[in-house]
PDB file of all heavy atoms in Angstrom:
ATOM      1  N   MET A   1      -1.957  12.306   7.264  1.00  0.00           N
ATOM      2  CA  MET A   1      -2.858  11.460   8.054  1.00  0.00           C
ATOM      3  C   MET A   1      -3.557  12.273   9.134  1.00  0.00           C
ATOM      4  O   MET A   1      -4.772  12.115   9.364  1.00  0.00           O
ATOM      5  CB  MET A   1      -2.060  10.320   8.673  1.00  0.00           C
ATOM      6  CG  MET A   1      -2.920   9.259   9.338  1.00  0.00           C
ATOM      7  SD  MET A   1      -1.927   7.872   9.982  1.00  0.00           S
ATOM      8  CE  MET A   1      -1.399   7.117   8.455  1.00  0.00           C
ATOM      9  N   ALA A   2      -2.817  13.166   9.785  1.00  0.00           N
ATOM     10  CA  ALA A   2      -3.418  14.016  10.820  1.00  0.00           C
ATOM     11  C   ALA A   2      -4.501  14.902  10.222  1.00  0.00           C
ATOM     12  O   ALA A   2      -5.568  15.106  10.825  1.00  0.00           O
ATOM     13  CB  ALA A   2      -2.347  14.865  11.493  1.00  0.00           C
ATOM     14  N   ALA A   3      -4.252  15.435   9.028  1.00  0.00           N
ATOM     15  CA  ALA A   3      -5.255  16.283   8.355  1.00  0.00           C
ATOM     16  C   ALA A   3      -6.498  15.468   8.014  1.00  0.00           C
ATOM     17  O   ALA A   3      -7.630  15.925   8.212  1.00  0.00           O
ATOM     18  CB  ALA A   3      -4.656  16.889   7.090  1.00  0.00           C
ATOM     19  N   GLU A   4      -6.299  14.262   7.508  1.00  0.00           N
ATOM     20  CA  GLU A   4      -7.435  13.398   7.157  1.00  0.00           C
ATOM     21  C   GLU A   4      -8.268  13.073   8.395  1.00  0.00           C
ATOM     22  O   GLU A   4      -9.505  13.144   8.366  1.00  0.00           O
ATOM     23  CB  GLU A   4      -6.931  12.108   6.511  1.00  0.00           C
ATOM     24  CG  GLU A   4      -6.384  12.306   5.101  1.00  0.00           C
ATOM     25  CD  GLU A   4      -5.679  11.071   4.569  1.00  0.00           C
ATOM     26  OE1 GLU A   4      -5.621  10.050   5.290  1.00  0.00           O
ATOM     27  OE2 GLU A   4      -5.173  11.139   3.426  1.00  0.00           O
ATOM     28  N   TYR A   5      -7.599  12.706   9.501  1.00  0.00           N
ATOM     29  CA  TYR A   5      -8.315  12.383  10.733  1.00  0.00           C
ATOM     30  C   TYR A   5      -9.061  13.603  11.269  1.00  0.00           C
ATOM     31  O   TYR A   5     -10.203  13.497  11.740  1.00  0.00           O
ATOM     32  CB  TYR A   5      -7.342  11.867  11.793  1.00  0.00           C
ATOM     33  CG  TYR A   5      -6.819  10.474  11.535  1.00  0.00           C
ATOM     34  CD1 TYR A   5      -5.725   9.978  12.233  1.00  0.00           C
ATOM     35  CD2 TYR A   5      -7.402   9.635  10.590  1.00  0.00           C
ATOM     36  CE1 TYR A   5      -5.231   8.702  12.006  1.00  0.00           C
ATOM     37  CE2 TYR A   5      -6.925   8.369  10.359  1.00  0.00           C
ATOM     38  CZ  TYR A   5      -5.833   7.898  11.063  1.00  0.00           C
ATOM     39  OH  TYR A   5      -5.351   6.637  10.841  1.00  0.00           O
ATOM     40  N   ALA A   6      -8.420  14.769  11.199  1.00  0.00           N
ATOM     41  CA  ALA A   6      -9.045  15.994  11.701  1.00  0.00           C
ATOM     42  C   ALA A   6     -10.319  16.303  10.925  1.00  0.00           C
ATOM     43  O   ALA A   6     -11.356  16.643  11.516  1.00  0.00           O
ATOM     44  CB  ALA A   6      -8.067  17.163  11.605  1.00  0.00           C
ATOM     45  N   VAL A   7     -10.264  16.184   9.604  1.00  0.00           N
ATOM     46  CA  VAL A   7     -11.436  16.490   8.773  1.00  0.00           C
ATOM     47  C   VAL A   7     -12.544  15.465   9.005  1.00  0.00           C
ATOM     48  O   VAL A   7     -13.730  15.816   9.082  1.00  0.00           O
ATOM     49  CB  VAL A   7     -11.038  16.565   7.287  1.00  0.00           C
ATOM     50  CG1 VAL A   7     -12.272  16.698   6.398  1.00  0.00           C
ATOM     51  CG2 VAL A   7     -10.091  17.745   7.042  1.00  0.00           C
ATOM     52  N   LEU A   8     -12.175  14.203   9.139  1.00  0.00           N
ATOM     53  CA  LEU A   8     -13.188  13.165   9.404  1.00  0.00           C
ATOM     54  C   LEU A   8     -13.876  13.408  10.750  1.00  0.00           C
ATOM     55  O   LEU A   8     -15.101  13.287  10.862  1.00  0.00           O
ATOM     56  CB  LEU A   8     -12.542  11.782   9.388  1.00  0.00           C
ATOM     57  CG  LEU A   8     -12.171  11.232   8.009  1.00  0.00           C
ATOM     58  CD1 LEU A   8     -11.318   9.972   8.135  1.00  0.00           C
ATOM     59  CD2 LEU A   8     -13.433  10.932   7.190  1.00  0.00           C
ATOM     60  N   LEU A   9     -13.095  13.761  11.774  1.00  0.00           N
ATOM     61  CA  LEU A   9     -13.692  14.070  13.080  1.00  0.00           C
ATOM     62  C   LEU A   9     -14.589  15.295  12.983  1.00  0.00           C
ATOM     63  O   LEU A   9     -15.670  15.343  13.591  1.00  0.00           O
ATOM     64  CB  LEU A   9     -12.599  14.301  14.125  1.00  0.00           C
ATOM     65  CG  LEU A   9     -11.814  13.073  14.589  1.00  0.00           C
ATOM     66  CD1 LEU A   9     -10.648  13.489  15.488  1.00  0.00           C
ATOM     67  CD2 LEU A   9     -12.710  12.095  15.328  1.00  0.00           C
ATOM     68  N   ALA A  10     -14.163  16.281  12.209  1.00  0.00           N
ATOM     69  CA  ALA A  10     -14.962  17.499  12.025  1.00  0.00           C
ATOM     70  C   ALA A  10     -16.280  17.193  11.344  1.00  0.00           C
ATOM     71  O   ALA A  10     -17.274  17.889  11.558  1.00  0.00           O
ATOM     72  CB  ALA A  10     -14.176  18.520  11.210  1.00  0.00           C
ATOM     73  N   ARG A  11     -16.304  16.167  10.519  1.00  0.00           N
ATOM     74  CA  ARG A  11     -17.524  15.787   9.808  1.00  0.00           C
ATOM     75  C   ARG A  11     -18.360  14.758  10.562  1.00  0.00           C
ATOM     76  O   ARG A  11     -19.274  14.165  10.008  1.00  0.00           O
ATOM     77  CB  ARG A  11     -17.160  15.268   8.418  1.00  0.00           C
ATOM     78  CG  ARG A  11     -16.672  16.406   7.502  1.00  0.00           C
ATOM     79  CD  ARG A  11     -16.438  15.962   6.089  1.00  0.00           C
ATOM     80  NE  ARG A  11     -16.237  17.136   5.240  1.00  0.00           N
ATOM     81  CZ  ARG A  11     -15.271  17.260   4.327  1.00  0.00           C
ATOM     82  NH1 ARG A  11     -14.422  16.273   4.129  1.00  0.00           N
ATOM     83  NH2 ARG A  11     -15.163  18.367   3.614  1.00  0.00           N
ATOM     84  N   GLY A  12     -18.035  14.552  11.842  1.00  0.00           N
ATOM     85  CA  GLY A  12     -18.894  13.745  12.698  1.00  0.00           C
ATOM     86  C   GLY A  12     -18.466  12.314  12.923  1.00  0.00           C
ATOM     87  O   GLY A  12     -19.146  11.572  13.648  1.00  0.00           O
ATOM     88  N   LYS A  13     -17.361  11.888  12.336  1.00  0.00           N
ATOM     89  CA  LYS A  13     -16.889  10.526  12.568  1.00  0.00           C
ATOM     90  C   LYS A  13     -16.313  10.402  13.984  1.00  0.00           C
ATOM     91  O   LYS A  13     -15.818  11.367  14.562  1.00  0.00           O
ATOM     92  CB  LYS A  13     -15.806  10.155  11.561  1.00  0.00           C
ATOM     93  CG  LYS A  13     -16.314  10.006  10.130  1.00  0.00           C
ATOM     94  CD  LYS A  13     -17.112   8.722   9.962  1.00  0.00           C
ATOM     95  CE  LYS A  13     -17.499   8.493   8.507  1.00  0.00           C
ATOM     96  NZ  LYS A  13     -18.276   7.255   8.339  1.00  0.00           N
ATOM     97  N   LYS A  14     -16.359   9.173  14.516  1.00  0.00           N
ATOM     98  CA  LYS A  14     -15.766   8.909  15.824  1.00  0.00           C
ATOM     99  C   LYS A  14     -14.352   8.368  15.643  1.00  0.00           C
ATOM    100  O   LYS A  14     -14.026   7.780  14.610  1.00  0.00           O
ATOM    101  CB  LYS A  14     -16.615   7.892  16.591  1.00  0.00           C
ATOM    102  CG  LYS A  14     -18.013   8.399  16.922  1.00  0.00           C
ATOM    103  CD  LYS A  14     -18.800   7.320  17.650  1.00  0.00           C
ATOM    104  CE  LYS A  14     -20.208   7.816  17.983  1.00  0.00           C
ATOM    105  NZ  LYS A  14     -21.020   6.757  18.635  1.00  0.00           N
ATOM    106  N   VAL A  15     -13.520   8.559  16.672  1.00  0.00           N
ATOM    107  CA  VAL A  15     -12.142   8.062  16.602  1.00  0.00           C
ATOM    108  C   VAL A  15     -12.128   6.564  16.342  1.00  0.00           C
ATOM    109  O   VAL A  15     -11.327   6.056  15.556  1.00  0.00           O
ATOM    110  CB  VAL A  15     -11.379   8.391  17.906  1.00  0.00           C
ATOM    111  CG1 VAL A  15     -10.022   7.695  17.924  1.00  0.00           C
ATOM    112  CG2 VAL A  15     -11.192   9.900  18.053  1.00  0.00           C
ATOM    113  N   SER A  16     -13.035   5.828  16.986  1.00  0.00           N
ATOM    114  CA  SER A  16     -13.095   4.369  16.814  1.00  0.00           C
ATOM    115  C   SER A  16     -13.414   3.965  15.383  1.00  0.00           C
ATOM    116  O   SER A  16     -13.092   2.860  14.959  1.00  0.00           O
ATOM    117  CB  SER A  16     -14.135   3.769  17.764  1.00  0.00           C
ATOM    118  OG  SER A  16     -15.417   4.340  17.511  1.00  0.00           O
ATOM    119  N   GLU A  17     -14.039   4.869  14.630  1.00  0.00           N
ATOM    120  CA  GLU A  17     -14.374   4.580  13.235  1.00  0.00           C
ATOM    121  C   GLU A  17     -13.222   4.864  12.278  1.00  0.00           C
ATOM    122  O   GLU A  17     -13.116   4.238  11.225  1.00  0.00           O
ATOM    123  CB  GLU A  17     -15.587   5.412  12.799  1.00  0.00           C
ATOM    124  CG  GLU A  17     -16.871   5.077  13.531  1.00  0.00           C
ATOM    125  CD  GLU A  17     -18.015   5.990  13.115  1.00  0.00           C
ATOM    126  OE1 GLU A  17     -17.946   7.207  13.416  1.00  0.00           O
ATOM    127  OE2 GLU A  17     -18.961   5.491  12.488  1.00  0.00           O
ATOM    128  N   ILE A  18     -12.349   5.794  12.650  1.00  0.00           N
ATOM    129  CA  ILE A  18     -11.304   6.201  11.708  1.00  0.00           C
ATOM    130  C   ILE A  18      -9.937   5.598  12.019  1.00  0.00           C
ATOM    131  O   ILE A  18      -9.040   5.631  11.178  1.00  0.00           O
ATOM    132  CB  ILE A  18     -11.173   7.734  11.639  1.00  0.00           C
ATOM    133  CG1 ILE A  18     -10.709   8.317  12.973  1.00  0.00           C
ATOM    134  CG2 ILE A  18     -12.481   8.373  11.213  1.00  0.00           C
ATOM    135  CD1 ILE A  18     -10.451   9.811  12.936  1.00  0.00           C
ATOM    136  N   VAL A  19      -9.768   5.058  13.233  1.00  0.00           N
ATOM    137  CA  VAL A  19      -8.492   4.430  13.595  1.00  0.00           C
ATOM    138  C   VAL A  19      -8.717   2.929  13.740  1.00  0.00           C
ATOM    139  O   VAL A  19      -9.266   2.474  14.747  1.00  0.00           O
ATOM    140  CB  VAL A  19      -7.934   5.013  14.910  1.00  0.00           C
ATOM    141  CG1 VAL A  19      -6.601   4.364  15.259  1.00  0.00           C
ATOM    142  CG2 VAL A  19      -7.785   6.519  14.803  1.00  0.00           C
ATOM    143  N   PRO A  20      -8.308   2.161  12.740  1.00  0.00           N
ATOM    144  CA  PRO A  20      -8.592   0.727  12.751  1.00  0.00           C
ATOM    145  C   PRO A  20      -7.855  -0.034  13.851  1.00  0.00           C
ATOM    146  O   PRO A  20      -8.395  -0.943  14.461  1.00  0.00           O
ATOM    147  CB  PRO A  20      -8.120   0.258  11.363  1.00  0.00           C
ATOM    148  CG  PRO A  20      -7.132   1.292  10.922  1.00  0.00           C
ATOM    149  CD  PRO A  20      -7.589   2.581  11.533  1.00  0.00           C
ATOM    150  N   ASP A  21      -6.603   0.337  14.115  1.00  0.00           N
ATOM    151  CA  ASP A  21      -5.789  -0.342  15.115  1.00  0.00           C
ATOM    152  C   ASP A  21      -5.889   0.423  16.427  1.00  0.00           C
ATOM    153  O   ASP A  21      -5.255   1.458  16.597  1.00  0.00           O
ATOM    154  CB  ASP A  21      -4.334  -0.412  14.637  1.00  0.00           C
ATOM    155  CG  ASP A  21      -3.440  -1.140  15.633  1.00  0.00           C
ATOM    156  OD1 ASP A  21      -3.968  -1.679  16.616  1.00  0.00           O
ATOM    157  OD2 ASP A  21      -2.215  -1.162  15.425  1.00  0.00           O
ATOM    158  N   GLN A  22      -6.692  -0.108  17.337  1.00  0.00           N
ATOM    159  CA  GLN A  22      -6.961   0.638  18.574  1.00  0.00           C
ATOM    160  C   GLN A  22      -5.861   0.441  19.624  1.00  0.00           C
ATOM    161  O   GLN A  22      -6.081  -0.106  20.706  1.00  0.00           O
ATOM    162  CB  GLN A  22      -8.316   0.221  19.142  1.00  0.00           C
ATOM    163  CG  GLN A  22      -9.502   0.826  18.412  1.00  0.00           C
ATOM    164  CD  GLN A  22      -9.620   2.331  18.626  1.00  0.00           C
ATOM    165  OE1 GLN A  22      -9.755   2.801  19.738  1.00  0.00           O
ATOM    166  NE2 GLN A  22      -9.575   3.091  17.549  1.00  0.00           N
ATOM    167  N   ARG A  23      -4.662   0.917  19.296  1.00  0.00           N
ATOM    168  CA  ARG A  23      -3.611   0.943  20.308  1.00  0.00           C
ATOM    169  C   ARG A  23      -3.867   2.124  21.237  1.00  0.00           C
ATOM    170  O   ARG A  23      -4.447   3.132  20.823  1.00  0.00           O
ATOM    171  CB  ARG A  23      -2.240   1.055  19.639  1.00  0.00           C
ATOM    172  CG  ARG A  23      -1.821  -0.227  18.929  1.00  0.00           C
ATOM    173  CD  ARG A  23      -0.414  -0.138  18.396  1.00  0.00           C
ATOM    174  NE  ARG A  23      -0.310   0.753  17.257  1.00  0.00           N
ATOM    175  CZ  ARG A  23       0.821   1.010  16.625  1.00  0.00           C
ATOM    176  NH1 ARG A  23       1.960   0.465  17.031  1.00  0.00           N
ATOM    177  NH2 ARG A  23       0.844   1.826  15.577  1.00  0.00           N
ATOM    178  N   LYS A  24      -3.380   2.020  22.461  1.00  0.00           N
ATOM    179  CA  LYS A  24      -3.645   3.067  23.447  1.00  0.00           C
ATOM    180  C   LYS A  24      -2.345   3.455  24.156  1.00  0.00           C
ATOM    181  O   LYS A  24      -1.408   2.672  24.249  1.00  0.00           O
ATOM    182  CB  LYS A  24      -4.654   2.578  24.495  1.00  0.00           C
ATOM    183  CG  LYS A  24      -6.031   2.177  23.941  1.00  0.00           C
ATOM    184  CD  LYS A  24      -6.862   3.375  23.601  1.00  0.00           C
ATOM    185  CE  LYS A  24      -8.243   2.991  23.079  1.00  0.00           C
ATOM    186  NZ  LYS A  24      -9.127   2.487  24.145  1.00  0.00           N
ATOM    187  N   ILE A  25      -2.325   4.696  24.657  1.00  0.00           N
ATOM    188  CA  ILE A  25      -1.238   5.161  25.501  1.00  0.00           C
ATOM    189  C   ILE A  25      -1.853   5.945  26.659  1.00  0.00           C
ATOM    190  O   ILE A  25      -2.817   6.694  26.474  1.00  0.00           O
ATOM    191  CB  ILE A  25      -0.237   6.036  24.696  1.00  0.00           C
ATOM    192  CG1 ILE A  25       0.989   6.370  25.551  1.00  0.00           C
ATOM    193  CG2 ILE A  25      -0.898   7.313  24.177  1.00  0.00           C
ATOM    194  CD1 ILE A  25       2.127   7.001  24.760  1.00  0.00           C
ATOM    195  N   ASN A  26      -1.317   5.742  27.846  1.00  0.00           N
ATOM    196  CA  ASN A  26      -1.835   6.445  29.017  1.00  0.00           C
ATOM    197  C   ASN A  26      -1.143   7.801  29.117  1.00  0.00           C
ATOM    198  O   ASN A  26       0.081   7.881  29.241  1.00  0.00           O
ATOM    199  CB  ASN A  26      -1.580   5.624  30.289  1.00  0.00           C
ATOM    200  CG  ASN A  26      -2.349   6.179  31.480  1.00  0.00           C
ATOM    201  OD1 ASN A  26      -2.250   7.355  31.803  1.00  0.00           O
ATOM    202  ND2 ASN A  26      -3.126   5.329  32.119  1.00  0.00           N
ATOM    203  N   ASN A  27      -1.933   8.862  29.078  1.00  0.00           N
ATOM    204  CA  ASN A  27      -1.346  10.218  29.142  1.00  0.00           C
ATOM    205  C   ASN A  27      -1.553  10.867  30.507  1.00  0.00           C
ATOM    206  O   ASN A  27      -1.410  12.086  30.654  1.00  0.00           O
ATOM    207  CB  ASN A  27      -1.938  11.110  28.039  1.00  0.00           C
ATOM    208  CG  ASN A  27      -3.337  11.605  28.360  1.00  0.00           C
ATOM    209  OD1 ASN A  27      -4.078  10.963  29.108  1.00  0.00           O
ATOM    210  ND2 ASN A  27      -3.715  12.751  27.799  1.00  0.00           N
ATOM    211  N   GLY A  28      -1.890  10.031  31.508  1.00  0.00           N
ATOM    212  CA  GLY A  28      -2.100  10.568  32.854  1.00  0.00           C
ATOM    213  C   GLY A  28      -3.535  10.969  33.105  1.00  0.00           C
ATOM    214  O   GLY A  28      -3.935  11.174  34.251  1.00  0.00           O
TER     215      GLY A  28
END
């Protein structure tokens, strides 16, 4: 899944387009 997301982002997709469930975590 990480490889698929990385390649999609590399090809110009946005995170909001490739991650259907928009859960969030605060990383500071």
